[in-house]
Amino acid sequence: MNLPVQIRRSAVGDVIVASVTGDVDIVEVPKIQGAIEAALADDAGGLIIDLTGVRYFDSTGVRWLFDVQRKLQFSRHRFRLVVPKDGVVRHVLTIVNIDKHVPVHTTADEALTELADAGTRGAVNDP
């Protein structure tokens, strides 16, 4: 049975933090994408997507994350992912080498700290 997705958005300074829970699959990705795009203003300094609460993650989710990365790189927004150290999401994202494109952290606080540091250096999406 599918666990419906929920997205909680918050702002920390100029960074949007989107925490996703539930199943990330072909049914739910359009909902997630719409909610996150609606929250990301042109003047936002960056985006953190927190996948800590995700229990299922399919290839549609992988494709979506790579699409987000490309869009944010083009618009010069900083982008980070939060993924638990163990679990299905980390396993899937390790297989596709997402960390070669987007820095992956284990906590939102860690990602926020790194984004703040990257902002002072001018980095966009350098892993």
N, C-alpha and C. Protein backbone atom coordinates (compact mmCIF):
# COMPACT_ATOMS: atom_id res chain seq x y z
N MET A 1 0.84 -1.18 0.00
CA MET A 1 0.00 0.00 0.00
C MET A 1 0.88 1.24 0.00
N ASN A 2 0.52 2.18 -0.84
CA ASN A 2 1.25 3.44 -0.93
C ASN A 2 1.02 4.30 0.30
N LEU A 3 2.08 4.89 0.79
CA LEU A 3 1.98 5.86 1.86
C LEU A 3 1.97 7.23 1.22
N PRO A 4 0.85 7.97 1.30
CA PRO A 4 0.78 9.27 0.65
C PRO A 4 1.91 10.19 1.11
N VAL A 5 2.39 10.96 0.19
CA VAL A 5 3.49 11.85 0.48
C VAL A 5 3.00 13.10 1.21
N GLN A 6 3.83 13.60 2.09
CA GLN A 6 3.58 14.87 2.75
C GLN A 6 4.85 15.70 2.63
N ILE A 7 4.67 16.98 2.37
CA ILE A 7 5.80 17.89 2.25
C ILE A 7 5.63 19.01 3.26
N ARG A 8 6.63 19.18 4.09
CA ARG A 8 6.63 20.29 5.04
C ARG A 8 7.74 21.25 4.60
N ARG A 9 7.36 22.49 4.37
CA ARG A 9 8.33 23.48 3.91
C ARG A 9 8.56 24.52 4.99
N SER A 10 9.80 24.94 5.09
CA SER A 10 10.13 26.03 6.01
C SER A 10 11.28 26.81 5.40
N ALA A 11 11.49 28.00 5.92
CA ALA A 11 12.59 28.83 5.45
C ALA A 11 13.54 29.05 6.62
N VAL A 12 14.82 28.90 6.33
CA VAL A 12 15.87 29.20 7.29
C VAL A 12 16.75 30.23 6.60
N GLY A 13 16.56 31.48 6.98
CA GLY A 13 17.22 32.56 6.25
C GLY A 13 16.68 32.57 4.83
N ASP A 14 17.57 32.52 3.86
CA ASP A 14 17.13 32.52 2.46
C ASP A 14 17.10 31.13 1.85
N VAL A 15 17.17 30.10 2.71
CA VAL A 15 17.18 28.70 2.25
C VAL A 15 15.82 28.06 2.54
N ILE A 16 15.28 27.39 1.53
CA ILE A 16 14.03 26.64 1.70
C ILE A 16 14.40 25.21 2.07
N VAL A 17 13.78 24.71 3.14
CA VAL A 17 13.97 23.32 3.56
C VAL A 17 12.64 22.61 3.31
N ALA A 18 12.69 21.60 2.44
CA ALA A 18 11.49 20.82 2.13
C ALA A 18 11.69 19.41 2.67
N SER A 19 10.91 19.06 3.68
CA SER A 19 11.00 17.73 4.29
C SER A 19 9.90 16.86 3.70
N VAL A 20 10.30 15.74 3.13
CA VAL A 20 9.37 14.85 2.44
C VAL A 20 9.21 13.57 3.27
N THR A 21 7.97 13.15 3.47
CA THR A 21 7.69 11.86 4.11
C THR A 21 6.74 11.08 3.23
N GLY A 22 6.79 9.76 3.36
CA GLY A 22 5.91 8.90 2.57
C GLY A 22 6.67 8.18 1.48
N ASP A 23 5.94 7.80 0.43
CA ASP A 23 6.52 7.06 -0.69
C ASP A 23 6.75 8.01 -1.86
N VAL A 24 7.96 7.99 -2.39
CA VAL A 24 8.29 8.82 -3.56
C VAL A 24 8.26 7.89 -4.76
N ASP A 25 7.19 8.03 -5.55
CA ASP A 25 7.01 7.17 -6.72
C ASP A 25 6.33 7.96 -7.83
N ILE A 26 5.98 7.26 -8.89
CA ILE A 26 5.42 7.91 -10.07
C ILE A 26 4.13 8.67 -9.77
N VAL A 27 3.38 8.24 -8.79
CA VAL A 27 2.13 8.91 -8.41
C VAL A 27 2.41 10.18 -7.62
N GLU A 28 3.38 10.14 -6.75
CA GLU A 28 3.61 11.24 -5.81
C GLU A 28 4.59 12.31 -6.30
N VAL A 29 5.50 11.97 -7.21
CA VAL A 29 6.51 12.94 -7.64
C VAL A 29 5.91 14.23 -8.18
N PRO A 30 4.86 14.21 -9.01
CA PRO A 30 4.30 15.49 -9.47
C PRO A 30 3.81 16.38 -8.32
N LYS A 31 3.25 15.79 -7.28
CA LYS A 31 2.81 16.56 -6.12
C LYS A 31 4.00 17.19 -5.40
N ILE A 32 5.05 16.40 -5.22
CA ILE A 32 6.24 16.91 -4.54
C ILE A 32 6.86 18.04 -5.36
N GLN A 33 7.00 17.79 -6.65
CA GLN A 33 7.62 18.77 -7.54
C GLN A 33 6.84 20.09 -7.51
N GLY A 34 5.55 20.03 -7.60
CA GLY A 34 4.73 21.24 -7.57
C GLY A 34 4.86 22.01 -6.27
N ALA A 35 4.84 21.29 -5.16
CA ALA A 35 4.93 21.94 -3.84
C ALA A 35 6.28 22.61 -3.65
N ILE A 36 7.34 21.96 -4.09
CA ILE A 36 8.67 22.52 -3.90
C ILE A 36 8.91 23.69 -4.84
N GLU A 37 8.49 23.56 -6.09
CA GLU A 37 8.66 24.67 -7.04
C GLU A 37 7.88 25.90 -6.59
N ALA A 38 6.70 25.69 -6.02
CA ALA A 38 5.90 26.81 -5.53
C ALA A 38 6.58 27.53 -4.37
N ALA A 39 7.36 26.80 -3.60
CA ALA A 39 8.02 27.38 -2.42
C ALA A 39 9.33 28.07 -2.76
N LEU A 40 9.93 27.73 -3.89
CA LEU A 40 11.26 28.23 -4.23
C LEU A 40 11.16 29.53 -5.02
N ALA A 41 11.34 30.62 -4.33
CA ALA A 41 11.28 31.93 -4.97
C ALA A 41 12.59 32.21 -5.70
N ASP A 42 12.52 33.14 -6.65
CA ASP A 42 13.71 33.50 -7.41
C ASP A 42 14.83 34.02 -6.52
N ASP A 43 14.45 34.67 -5.42
CA ASP A 43 15.47 35.24 -4.54
C ASP A 43 15.92 34.29 -3.43
N ALA A 44 15.45 33.05 -3.47
CA ALA A 44 15.89 32.07 -2.47
C ALA A 44 17.37 31.79 -2.68
N GLY A 45 18.07 31.61 -1.58
CA GLY A 45 19.49 31.32 -1.66
C GLY A 45 19.80 29.87 -1.94
N GLY A 46 18.86 29.00 -1.67
CA GLY A 46 19.10 27.59 -1.90
C GLY A 46 17.94 26.72 -1.46
N LEU A 47 18.10 25.44 -1.73
CA LEU A 47 17.07 24.46 -1.41
C LEU A 47 17.73 23.24 -0.78
N ILE A 48 17.13 22.79 0.30
CA ILE A 48 17.50 21.52 0.93
C ILE A 48 16.27 20.63 0.85
N ILE A 49 16.44 19.46 0.28
CA ILE A 49 15.36 18.47 0.27
C ILE A 49 15.76 17.39 1.27
N ASP A 50 14.93 17.24 2.30
CA ASP A 50 15.18 16.28 3.38
C ASP A 50 14.32 15.04 3.12
N LEU A 51 14.98 13.93 2.81
CA LEU A 51 14.30 12.67 2.50
C LEU A 51 14.33 11.69 3.67
N THR A 52 14.57 12.20 4.87
CA THR A 52 14.67 11.35 6.05
C THR A 52 13.40 10.53 6.28
N GLY A 53 12.24 11.09 5.99
CA GLY A 53 10.98 10.41 6.25
C GLY A 53 10.45 9.58 5.10
N VAL A 54 11.27 9.35 4.08
CA VAL A 54 10.83 8.59 2.91
C VAL A 54 11.12 7.11 3.14
N ARG A 55 10.11 6.28 2.89
CA ARG A 55 10.30 4.84 3.11
C ARG A 55 10.40 4.06 1.81
N TYR A 56 9.97 4.64 0.69
CA TYR A 56 10.06 4.00 -0.62
C TYR A 56 10.48 5.05 -1.63
N PHE A 57 11.41 4.70 -2.52
CA PHE A 57 11.96 5.67 -3.46
C PHE A 57 12.26 4.96 -4.76
N ASP A 58 11.50 5.28 -5.82
CA ASP A 58 11.71 4.56 -7.08
C ASP A 58 12.46 5.42 -8.10
N SER A 59 12.58 4.90 -9.31
CA SER A 59 13.35 5.58 -10.36
C SER A 59 12.76 6.93 -10.74
N THR A 60 11.46 7.10 -10.56
CA THR A 60 10.85 8.40 -10.83
C THR A 60 11.41 9.45 -9.88
N GLY A 61 11.62 9.07 -8.64
CA GLY A 61 12.22 9.97 -7.66
C GLY A 61 13.65 10.31 -8.02
N VAL A 62 14.40 9.33 -8.50
CA VAL A 62 15.78 9.57 -8.93
C VAL A 62 15.79 10.58 -10.07
N ARG A 63 14.99 10.34 -11.07
CA ARG A 63 14.92 11.25 -12.22
C ARG A 63 14.52 12.66 -11.77
N TRP A 64 13.56 12.73 -10.85
CA TRP A 64 13.11 14.03 -10.33
C TRP A 64 14.27 14.77 -9.66
N LEU A 65 15.05 14.09 -8.83
CA LEU A 65 16.17 14.76 -8.15
C LEU A 65 17.21 15.27 -9.14
N PHE A 66 17.50 14.50 -10.18
CA PHE A 66 18.45 14.97 -11.19
C PHE A 66 17.87 16.17 -11.95
N ASP A 67 16.57 16.16 -12.20
CA ASP A 67 15.92 17.31 -12.85
C ASP A 67 16.02 18.56 -11.96
N VAL A 68 15.76 18.39 -10.67
CA VAL A 68 15.86 19.50 -9.73
C VAL A 68 17.29 20.05 -9.73
N GLN A 69 18.26 19.16 -9.70
CA GLN A 69 19.66 19.57 -9.69
C GLN A 69 19.98 20.41 -10.93
N ARG A 70 19.56 19.95 -12.10
CA ARG A 70 19.83 20.70 -13.33
C ARG A 70 19.17 22.07 -13.33
N LYS A 71 17.91 22.12 -12.92
CA LYS A 71 17.18 23.39 -12.88
C LYS A 71 17.82 24.38 -11.91
N LEU A 72 18.18 23.88 -10.74
CA LEU A 72 18.76 24.77 -9.74
C LEU A 72 20.17 25.21 -10.13
N GLN A 73 20.91 24.35 -10.78
CA GLN A 73 22.24 24.74 -11.23
C GLN A 73 22.11 25.83 -12.30
N PHE A 74 21.16 25.67 -13.20
CA PHE A 74 20.93 26.66 -14.25
C PHE A 74 20.53 28.01 -13.66
N SER A 75 19.69 27.98 -12.63
CA SER A 75 19.22 29.23 -12.02
C SER A 75 20.17 29.74 -10.93
N ARG A 76 21.27 29.00 -10.71
CA ARG A 76 22.31 29.37 -9.75
C ARG A 76 21.84 29.31 -8.29
N HIS A 77 20.85 28.47 -8.01
CA HIS A 77 20.45 28.19 -6.64
C HIS A 77 21.32 27.08 -6.08
N ARG A 78 21.66 27.18 -4.82
CA ARG A 78 22.41 26.11 -4.14
C ARG A 78 21.43 25.00 -3.77
N PHE A 79 21.92 23.75 -3.79
CA PHE A 79 21.06 22.60 -3.59
C PHE A 79 21.79 21.56 -2.76
N ARG A 80 21.11 21.02 -1.75
CA ARG A 80 21.65 19.96 -0.91
C ARG A 80 20.55 18.94 -0.62
N LEU A 81 20.96 17.70 -0.38
CA LEU A 81 20.04 16.64 0.01
C LEU A 81 20.36 16.17 1.41
N VAL A 82 19.31 15.74 2.12
CA VAL A 82 19.47 15.11 3.43
C VAL A 82 18.88 13.71 3.31
N VAL A 83 19.74 12.72 3.58
CA VAL A 83 19.35 11.33 3.45
C VAL A 83 19.96 10.57 4.63
N PRO A 84 19.18 9.74 5.31
CA PRO A 84 19.74 8.96 6.41
C PRO A 84 20.91 8.10 5.94
N LYS A 85 21.82 7.84 6.85
CA LYS A 85 23.02 7.07 6.52
C LYS A 85 22.68 5.67 6.02
N ASP A 86 21.70 5.05 6.60
CA ASP A 86 21.28 3.70 6.21
C ASP A 86 19.86 3.78 5.66
N GLY A 87 19.50 2.81 4.87
CA GLY A 87 18.13 2.73 4.40
C GLY A 87 18.04 2.70 2.89
N VAL A 88 16.83 2.51 2.43
CA VAL A 88 16.58 2.31 1.00
C VAL A 88 16.92 3.55 0.17
N VAL A 89 16.62 4.74 0.65
CA VAL A 89 16.88 5.95 -0.12
C VAL A 89 18.38 6.12 -0.32
N ARG A 90 19.17 5.96 0.72
CA ARG A 90 20.63 6.08 0.60
C ARG A 90 21.16 5.04 -0.39
N HIS A 91 20.64 3.82 -0.29
CA HIS A 91 21.08 2.75 -1.18
C HIS A 91 20.81 3.12 -2.64
N VAL A 92 19.61 3.55 -2.94
CA VAL A 92 19.24 3.92 -4.32
C VAL A 92 20.11 5.08 -4.81
N LEU A 93 20.27 6.11 -4.00
CA LEU A 93 21.02 7.28 -4.43
C LEU A 93 22.52 7.00 -4.54
N THR A 94 23.02 6.04 -3.78
CA THR A 94 24.41 5.63 -3.92
C THR A 94 24.63 4.92 -5.25
N ILE A 95 23.69 4.08 -5.63
CA ILE A 95 23.80 3.35 -6.90
C ILE A 95 23.89 4.31 -8.08
N VAL A 96 23.13 5.39 -8.05
CA VAL A 96 23.12 6.34 -9.18
C VAL A 96 24.14 7.46 -9.02
N ASN A 97 24.98 7.38 -7.99
CA ASN A 97 26.05 8.36 -7.76
C ASN A 97 25.55 9.81 -7.69
N ILE A 98 24.44 10.02 -7.02
CA ILE A 98 23.91 11.38 -6.94
C ILE A 98 24.88 12.33 -6.24
N ASP A 99 25.70 11.78 -5.35
CA ASP A 99 26.64 12.64 -4.62
C ASP A 99 27.70 13.25 -5.54
N LYS A 100 27.80 12.79 -6.77
CA LYS A 100 28.70 13.42 -7.75
C LYS A 100 28.09 14.71 -8.29
N HIS A 101 26.79 14.90 -8.05
CA HIS A 101 26.06 16.04 -8.59
C HIS A 101 25.49 16.96 -7.52
N VAL A 102 25.12 16.37 -6.39
CA VAL A 102 24.50 17.12 -5.29
C VAL A 102 25.13 16.65 -3.98
N PRO A 103 25.61 17.57 -3.16
CA PRO A 103 26.11 17.15 -1.85
C PRO A 103 25.00 16.51 -1.01
N VAL A 104 25.32 15.39 -0.38
CA VAL A 104 24.36 14.64 0.43
C VAL A 104 24.81 14.68 1.88
N HIS A 105 23.88 15.03 2.77
CA HIS A 105 24.17 15.13 4.20
C HIS A 105 23.24 14.20 4.97
N THR A 106 23.59 13.95 6.23
CA THR A 106 22.76 13.07 7.05
C THR A 106 21.77 13.84 7.91
N THR A 107 21.97 15.15 8.08
CA THR A 107 21.01 15.96 8.84
C THR A 107 20.79 17.30 8.13
N ALA A 108 19.64 17.89 8.38
CA ALA A 108 19.34 19.21 7.82
C ALA A 108 20.27 20.27 8.39
N ASP A 109 20.61 20.16 9.66
CA ASP A 109 21.53 21.12 10.28
C ASP A 109 22.89 21.09 9.60
N GLU A 110 23.37 19.90 9.31
CA GLU A 110 24.64 19.74 8.61
C GLU A 110 24.57 20.39 7.22
N ALA A 111 23.47 20.16 6.51
CA ALA A 111 23.31 20.74 5.17
C ALA A 111 23.23 22.27 5.25
N LEU A 112 22.51 22.80 6.24
CA LEU A 112 22.41 24.25 6.40
C LEU A 112 23.76 24.88 6.70
N THR A 113 24.52 24.24 7.55
CA THR A 113 25.85 24.75 7.88
C THR A 113 26.74 24.76 6.64
N GLU A 114 26.70 23.67 5.89
CA GLU A 114 27.52 23.58 4.69
C GLU A 114 27.08 24.60 3.64
N LEU A 115 25.78 24.81 3.51
CA LEU A 115 25.27 25.82 2.56
C LEU A 115 25.73 27.21 2.96
N ALA A 116 25.68 27.49 4.23
CA ALA A 116 26.15 28.80 4.71
C ALA A 116 27.62 29.00 4.38
N ASP A 117 28.41 27.95 4.61
CA ASP A 117 29.84 28.01 4.28
C ASP A 117 30.05 28.15 2.78
N ALA A 118 29.28 27.39 1.99
CA ALA A 118 29.41 27.47 0.53
C ALA A 118 29.01 28.83 0.01
N GLY A 119 28.02 29.45 0.66
CA GLY A 119 27.58 30.77 0.25
C GLY A 119 28.66 31.81 0.42
N THR A 120 29.47 31.67 1.45
CA THR A 120 30.56 32.62 1.65
C THR A 120 31.69 32.40 0.67
N ARG A 121 31.77 31.16 0.10
CA ARG A 121 32.78 30.87 -0.91
C ARG A 121 32.25 31.06 -2.32
N GLY A 122 30.91 31.23 -2.47
CA GLY A 122 30.33 31.42 -3.79
C GLY A 122 30.01 30.14 -4.53
N ALA A 123 30.08 28.99 -3.87
CA ALA A 123 29.81 27.72 -4.53
C ALA A 123 28.32 27.54 -4.76
N VAL A 124 27.97 26.88 -5.89
CA VAL A 124 26.58 26.63 -6.18
C VAL A 124 26.23 25.19 -5.84
N ASN A 125 26.71 24.22 -6.58
CA ASN A 125 26.37 22.82 -6.33
C ASN A 125 27.60 21.94 -6.36
N ASP A 126 28.71 22.44 -5.93
CA ASP A 126 29.93 21.65 -5.95
C ASP A 126 29.92 20.66 -4.80
N PRO A 127 29.89 19.35 -5.13
CA PRO A 127 29.92 18.34 -4.06
C PRO A 127 31.27 18.30 -3.36
